[in-house]
Amino acid sequence: MLTQKELLQLEDSLAMHQTCVKTLNHFANELQDSQARQMLQQMAQKHQQHVQMLSKHLNAGQTLQ
């Protein structure tokens, strides 16, 4: 069972990763260099995976409350 503090930390981390995904995708779309664009897209995908994992844990934690 997650504490209220842990749930808040997960929410903060989730918001940070969502912001990273948006920012990385924005800059990837602005780049002309295909290698740099691909690198930023891969970084955005990793952050998106973290968003999905954190969402899973956050939903599970809220269900237990």
PDB file of N, CA and C in Angstrom:
ATOM      1  N   MET A   1       0.838  -1.174   0.000  1.00  0.00           N
ATOM      2  CA  MET A   1       0.000   0.000   0.000  1.00  0.00           C
ATOM      3  C   MET A   1       0.885   1.239   0.000  1.00  0.00           C
ATOM      4  N   LEU A   2       0.549   2.196  -0.871  1.00  0.00           N
ATOM      5  CA  LEU A   2       1.336   3.419  -0.991  1.00  0.00           C
ATOM      6  C   LEU A   2       0.823   4.489  -0.035  1.00  0.00           C
ATOM      7  N   THR A   3       1.769   5.232   0.504  1.00  0.00           N
ATOM      8  CA  THR A   3       1.382   6.350   1.355  1.00  0.00           C
ATOM      9  C   THR A   3       0.976   7.530   0.480  1.00  0.00           C
ATOM     10  N   GLN A   4       0.354   8.511   1.099  1.00  0.00           N
ATOM     11  CA  GLN A   4      -0.034   9.723   0.367  1.00  0.00           C
ATOM     12  C   GLN A   4       1.203  10.413  -0.215  1.00  0.00           C
ATOM     13  N   LYS A   5       2.286  10.431   0.554  1.00  0.00           N
ATOM     14  CA  LYS A   5       3.531  11.050   0.086  1.00  0.00           C
ATOM     15  C   LYS A   5       4.071  10.325  -1.140  1.00  0.00           C
ATOM     16  N   GLU A   6       4.029   9.004  -1.116  1.00  0.00           N
ATOM     17  CA  GLU A   6       4.507   8.222  -2.261  1.00  0.00           C
ATOM     18  C   GLU A   6       3.646   8.472  -3.492  1.00  0.00           C
ATOM     19  N   LEU A   7       2.351   8.567  -3.313  1.00  0.00           N
ATOM     20  CA  LEU A   7       1.466   8.864  -4.440  1.00  0.00           C
ATOM     21  C   LEU A   7       1.788  10.234  -5.029  1.00  0.00           C
ATOM     22  N   LEU A   8       2.041  11.218  -4.179  1.00  0.00           N
ATOM     23  CA  LEU A   8       2.388  12.559  -4.655  1.00  0.00           C
ATOM     24  C   LEU A   8       3.717  12.548  -5.409  1.00  0.00           C
ATOM     25  N   GLN A   9       4.665  11.769  -4.924  1.00  0.00           N
ATOM     26  CA  GLN A   9       5.950  11.655  -5.609  1.00  0.00           C
ATOM     27  C   GLN A   9       5.789  11.000  -6.980  1.00  0.00           C
ATOM     28  N   LEU A  10       4.944   9.982  -7.056  1.00  0.00           N
ATOM     29  CA  LEU A  10       4.677   9.350  -8.348  1.00  0.00           C
ATOM     30  C   LEU A  10       4.013  10.329  -9.306  1.00  0.00           C
ATOM     31  N   GLU A  11       3.069  11.113  -8.794  1.00  0.00           N
ATOM     32  CA  GLU A  11       2.396  12.104  -9.636  1.00  0.00           C
ATOM     33  C   GLU A  11       3.381  13.138 -10.150  1.00  0.00           C
ATOM     34  N   ASP A  12       4.289  13.591  -9.295  1.00  0.00           N
ATOM     35  CA  ASP A  12       5.302  14.566  -9.705  1.00  0.00           C
ATOM     36  C   ASP A  12       6.226  13.979 -10.771  1.00  0.00           C
ATOM     37  N   SER A  13       6.653  12.751 -10.554  1.00  0.00           N
ATOM     38  CA  SER A  13       7.532  12.094 -11.515  1.00  0.00           C
ATOM     39  C   SER A  13       6.816  11.877 -12.844  1.00  0.00           C
ATOM     40  N   LEU A  14       5.563  11.495 -12.776  1.00  0.00           N
ATOM     41  CA  LEU A  14       4.757  11.302 -13.981  1.00  0.00           C
ATOM     42  C   LEU A  14       4.663  12.605 -14.773  1.00  0.00           C
ATOM     43  N   ALA A  15       4.372  13.696 -14.097  1.00  0.00           N
ATOM     44  CA  ALA A  15       4.265  14.998 -14.766  1.00  0.00           C
ATOM     45  C   ALA A  15       5.594  15.405 -15.399  1.00  0.00           C
ATOM     46  N   MET A  16       6.704  15.131 -14.710  1.00  0.00           N
ATOM     47  CA  MET A  16       8.022  15.464 -15.247  1.00  0.00           C
ATOM     48  C   MET A  16       8.298  14.685 -16.530  1.00  0.00           C
ATOM     49  N   HIS A  17       8.004  13.397 -16.509  1.00  0.00           N
ATOM     50  CA  HIS A  17       8.251  12.567 -17.693  1.00  0.00           C
ATOM     51  C   HIS A  17       7.324  12.971 -18.849  1.00  0.00           C
ATOM     52  N   GLN A  18       6.095  13.326 -18.559  1.00  0.00           N
ATOM     53  CA  GLN A  18       5.183  13.788 -19.610  1.00  0.00           C
ATOM     54  C   GLN A  18       5.708  15.070 -20.251  1.00  0.00           C
ATOM     55  N   THR A  19       6.239  15.969 -19.440  1.00  0.00           N
ATOM     56  CA  THR A  19       6.819  17.204 -19.959  1.00  0.00           C
ATOM     57  C   THR A  19       8.030  16.909 -20.833  1.00  0.00           C
ATOM     58  N   CYS A  20       8.851  15.962 -20.396  1.00  0.00           N
ATOM     59  CA  CYS A  20      10.020  15.571 -21.191  1.00  0.00           C
ATOM     60  C   CYS A  20       9.606  15.008 -22.547  1.00  0.00           C
ATOM     61  N   VAL A  21       8.587  14.162 -22.556  1.00  0.00           N
ATOM     62  CA  VAL A  21       8.106  13.587 -23.821  1.00  0.00           C
ATOM     63  C   VAL A  21       7.680  14.694 -24.773  1.00  0.00           C
ATOM     64  N   LYS A  22       6.882  15.628 -24.289  1.00  0.00           N
ATOM     65  CA  LYS A  22       6.399  16.726 -25.132  1.00  0.00           C
ATOM     66  C   LYS A  22       7.547  17.585 -25.640  1.00  0.00           C
ATOM     67  N   THR A  23       8.484  17.906 -24.759  1.00  0.00           N
ATOM     68  CA  THR A  23       9.609  18.765 -25.124  1.00  0.00           C
ATOM     69  C   THR A  23      10.515  18.081 -26.143  1.00  0.00           C
ATOM     70  N   LEU A  24      10.856  16.824 -25.878  1.00  0.00           N
ATOM     71  CA  LEU A  24      11.733  16.101 -26.797  1.00  0.00           C
ATOM     72  C   LEU A  24      11.085  15.939 -28.169  1.00  0.00           C
ATOM     73  N   ASN A  25       9.808  15.616 -28.206  1.00  0.00           N
ATOM     74  CA  ASN A  25       9.123  15.477 -29.490  1.00  0.00           C
ATOM     75  C   ASN A  25       9.042  16.813 -30.219  1.00  0.00           C
ATOM     76  N   HIS A  26       8.816  17.884 -29.482  1.00  0.00           N
ATOM     77  CA  HIS A  26       8.764  19.215 -30.103  1.00  0.00           C
ATOM     78  C   HIS A  26      10.088  19.538 -30.788  1.00  0.00           C
ATOM     79  N   PHE A  27      11.189  19.360 -30.054  1.00  0.00           N
ATOM     80  CA  PHE A  27      12.486  19.686 -30.631  1.00  0.00           C
ATOM     81  C   PHE A  27      12.887  18.700 -31.724  1.00  0.00           C
ATOM     82  N   ALA A  28      12.500  17.453 -31.600  1.00  0.00           N
ATOM     83  CA  ALA A  28      12.790  16.476 -32.657  1.00  0.00           C
ATOM     84  C   ALA A  28      12.123  16.904 -33.960  1.00  0.00           C
ATOM     85  N   ASN A  29      10.901  17.413 -33.860  1.00  0.00           N
ATOM     86  CA  ASN A  29      10.183  17.850 -35.056  1.00  0.00           C
ATOM     87  C   ASN A  29      10.781  19.108 -35.676  1.00  0.00           C
ATOM     88  N   GLU A  30      11.551  19.855 -34.915  1.00  0.00           N
ATOM     89  CA  GLU A  30      12.166  21.087 -35.408  1.00  0.00           C
ATOM     90  C   GLU A  30      13.516  20.842 -36.086  1.00  0.00           C
ATOM     91  N   LEU A  31      14.084  19.675 -35.876  1.00  0.00           N
ATOM     92  CA  LEU A  31      15.435  19.403 -36.370  1.00  0.00           C
ATOM     93  C   LEU A  31      15.448  18.981 -37.837  1.00  0.00           C
ATOM     94  N   GLN A  32      16.480  19.420 -38.508  1.00  0.00           N
ATOM     95  CA  GLN A  32      16.731  18.979 -39.884  1.00  0.00           C
ATOM     96  C   GLN A  32      17.626  17.739 -39.903  1.00  0.00           C
ATOM     97  N   ASP A  33      18.511  17.635 -38.933  1.00  0.00           N
ATOM     98  CA  ASP A  33      19.460  16.528 -38.840  1.00  0.00           C
ATOM     99  C   ASP A  33      18.720  15.255 -38.432  1.00  0.00           C
ATOM    100  N   SER A  34      18.702  14.278 -39.320  1.00  0.00           N
ATOM    101  CA  SER A  34      17.926  13.057 -39.064  1.00  0.00           C
ATOM    102  C   SER A  34      18.484  12.244 -37.898  1.00  0.00           C
ATOM    103  N   GLN A  35      19.805  12.242 -37.714  1.00  0.00           N
ATOM    104  CA  GLN A  35      20.381  11.492 -36.594  1.00  0.00           C
ATOM    105  C   GLN A  35      20.001  12.128 -35.263  1.00  0.00           C
ATOM    106  N   ALA A  36      20.067  13.426 -35.188  1.00  0.00           N
ATOM    107  CA  ALA A  36      19.694  14.134 -33.959  1.00  0.00           C
ATOM    108  C   ALA A  36      18.201  13.958 -33.696  1.00  0.00           C
ATOM    109  N   ARG A  37      17.381  14.045 -34.763  1.00  0.00           N
ATOM    110  CA  ARG A  37      15.938  13.854 -34.631  1.00  0.00           C
ATOM    111  C   ARG A  37      15.633  12.463 -34.083  1.00  0.00           C
ATOM    112  N   GLN A  38      16.299  11.456 -34.634  1.00  0.00           N
ATOM    113  CA  GLN A  38      16.083  10.080 -34.193  1.00  0.00           C
ATOM    114  C   GLN A  38      16.500   9.901 -32.731  1.00  0.00           C
ATOM    115  N   MET A  39      17.609  10.518 -32.331  1.00  0.00           N
ATOM    116  CA  MET A  39      18.071  10.410 -30.954  1.00  0.00           C
ATOM    117  C   MET A  39      17.034  11.006 -29.991  1.00  0.00           C
ATOM    118  N   LEU A  40      16.495  12.180 -30.328  1.00  0.00           N
ATOM    119  CA  LEU A  40      15.490  12.808 -29.472  1.00  0.00           C
ATOM    120  C   LEU A  40      14.202  11.985 -29.438  1.00  0.00           C
ATOM    121  N   GLN A  41      13.837  11.402 -30.560  1.00  0.00           N
ATOM    122  CA  GLN A  41      12.645  10.556 -30.597  1.00  0.00           C
ATOM    123  C   GLN A  41      12.820   9.319 -29.730  1.00  0.00           C
ATOM    124  N   GLN A  42      14.015   8.742 -29.741  1.00  0.00           N
ATOM    125  CA  GLN A  42      14.292   7.572 -28.899  1.00  0.00           C
ATOM    126  C   GLN A  42      14.241   7.954 -27.419  1.00  0.00           C
ATOM    127  N   MET A  43      14.763   9.129 -27.094  1.00  0.00           N
ATOM    128  CA  MET A  43      14.710   9.599 -25.717  1.00  0.00           C
ATOM    129  C   MET A  43      13.257   9.817 -25.296  1.00  0.00           C
ATOM    130  N   ALA A  44      12.451  10.365 -26.192  1.00  0.00           N
ATOM    131  CA  ALA A  44      11.033  10.583 -25.895  1.00  0.00           C
ATOM    132  C   ALA A  44      10.322   9.249 -25.671  1.00  0.00           C
ATOM    133  N   GLN A  45      10.677   8.236 -26.451  1.00  0.00           N
ATOM    134  CA  GLN A  45      10.072   6.910 -26.286  1.00  0.00           C
ATOM    135  C   GLN A  45      10.412   6.319 -24.922  1.00  0.00           C
ATOM    136  N   LYS A  46      11.652   6.492 -24.475  1.00  0.00           N
ATOM    137  CA  LYS A  46      12.048   5.994 -23.152  1.00  0.00           C
ATOM    138  C   LYS A  46      11.238   6.688 -22.058  1.00  0.00           C
ATOM    139  N   HIS A  47      11.089   8.002 -22.176  1.00  0.00           N
ATOM    140  CA  HIS A  47      10.302   8.734 -21.188  1.00  0.00           C
ATOM    141  C   HIS A  47       8.835   8.302 -21.242  1.00  0.00           C
ATOM    142  N   GLN A  48       8.331   8.001 -22.434  1.00  0.00           N
ATOM    143  CA  GLN A  48       6.951   7.541 -22.568  1.00  0.00           C
ATOM    144  C   GLN A  48       6.770   6.189 -21.884  1.00  0.00           C
ATOM    145  N   GLN A  49       7.776   5.336 -21.976  1.00  0.00           N
ATOM    146  CA  GLN A  49       7.719   4.053 -21.269  1.00  0.00           C
ATOM    147  C   GLN A  49       7.650   4.287 -19.761  1.00  0.00           C
ATOM    148  N   HIS A  50       8.396   5.277 -19.285  1.00  0.00           N
ATOM    149  CA  HIS A  50       8.356   5.605 -17.858  1.00  0.00           C
ATOM    150  C   HIS A  50       6.981   6.152 -17.476  1.00  0.00           C
ATOM    151  N   VAL A  51       6.387   6.951 -18.368  1.00  0.00           N
ATOM    152  CA  VAL A  51       5.037   7.476 -18.116  1.00  0.00           C
ATOM    153  C   VAL A  51       4.065   6.315 -17.943  1.00  0.00           C
ATOM    154  N   GLN A  52       4.145   5.344 -18.824  1.00  0.00           N
ATOM    155  CA  GLN A  52       3.235   4.196 -18.752  1.00  0.00           C
ATOM    156  C   GLN A  52       3.445   3.391 -17.477  1.00  0.00           C
ATOM    157  N   MET A  53       4.715   3.177 -17.096  1.00  0.00           N
ATOM    158  CA  MET A  53       5.016   2.418 -15.894  1.00  0.00           C
ATOM    159  C   MET A  53       4.539   3.173 -14.653  1.00  0.00           C
ATOM    160  N   LEU A  54       4.803   4.467 -14.593  1.00  0.00           N
ATOM    161  CA  LEU A  54       4.372   5.259 -13.443  1.00  0.00           C
ATOM    162  C   LEU A  54       2.853   5.335 -13.357  1.00  0.00           C
ATOM    163  N   SER A  55       2.192   5.450 -14.496  1.00  0.00           N
ATOM    164  CA  SER A  55       0.726   5.488 -14.507  1.00  0.00           C
ATOM    165  C   SER A  55       0.154   4.197 -13.945  1.00  0.00           C
ATOM    166  N   LYS A  56       0.770   3.097 -14.320  1.00  0.00           N
ATOM    167  CA  LYS A  56       0.338   1.785 -13.822  1.00  0.00           C
ATOM    168  C   LYS A  56       0.441   1.744 -12.300  1.00  0.00           C
ATOM    169  N   HIS A  57       1.592   2.155 -11.784  1.00  0.00           N
ATOM    170  CA  HIS A  57       1.805   2.125 -10.338  1.00  0.00           C
ATOM    171  C   HIS A  57       0.908   3.138  -9.612  1.00  0.00           C
ATOM    172  N   LEU A  58       0.741   4.272 -10.234  1.00  0.00           N
ATOM    173  CA  LEU A  58      -0.103   5.300  -9.619  1.00  0.00           C
ATOM    174  C   LEU A  58      -1.550   4.825  -9.548  1.00  0.00           C
ATOM    175  N   ASN A  59      -2.040   4.228 -10.612  1.00  0.00           N
ATOM    176  CA  ASN A  59      -3.407   3.703 -10.614  1.00  0.00           C
ATOM    177  C   ASN A  59      -3.576   2.578  -9.597  1.00  0.00           C
ATOM    178  N   ALA A  60      -2.578   1.732  -9.492  1.00  0.00           N
ATOM    179  CA  ALA A  60      -2.630   0.636  -8.519  1.00  0.00           C
ATOM    180  C   ALA A  60      -2.623   1.197  -7.104  1.00  0.00           C
ATOM    181  N   GLY A  61      -1.818   2.207  -6.860  1.00  0.00           N
ATOM    182  CA  GLY A  61      -1.743   2.808  -5.541  1.00  0.00           C
ATOM    183  C   GLY A  61      -3.012   3.507  -5.134  1.00  0.00           C
ATOM    184  N   GLN A  62      -3.654   4.161  -6.088  1.00  0.00           N
ATOM    185  CA  GLN A  62      -4.902   4.855  -5.776  1.00  0.00           C
ATOM    186  C   GLN A  62      -6.032   3.861  -5.542  1.00  0.00           C
ATOM    187  N   THR A  63      -5.972   2.742  -6.204  1.00  0.00           N
ATOM    188  CA  THR A  63      -7.000   1.704  -6.019  1.00  0.00           C
ATOM    189  C   THR A  63      -6.928   1.138  -4.597  1.00  0.00           C
ATOM    190  N   LEU A  64      -5.709   1.054  -4.070  1.00  0.00           N
ATOM    191  CA  LEU A  64      -5.513   0.486  -2.735  1.00  0.00           C
ATOM    192  C   LEU A  64      -5.931   1.447  -1.626  1.00  0.00           C
ATOM    193  N   GLN A  65      -6.035   2.694  -1.926  1.00  0.00           N
ATOM    194  CA  GLN A  65      -6.366   3.684  -0.897  1.00  0.00           C
ATOM    195  C   GLN A  65      -7.802   3.561  -0.453  1.00  0.00           C
TER     196      GLN A  65
END
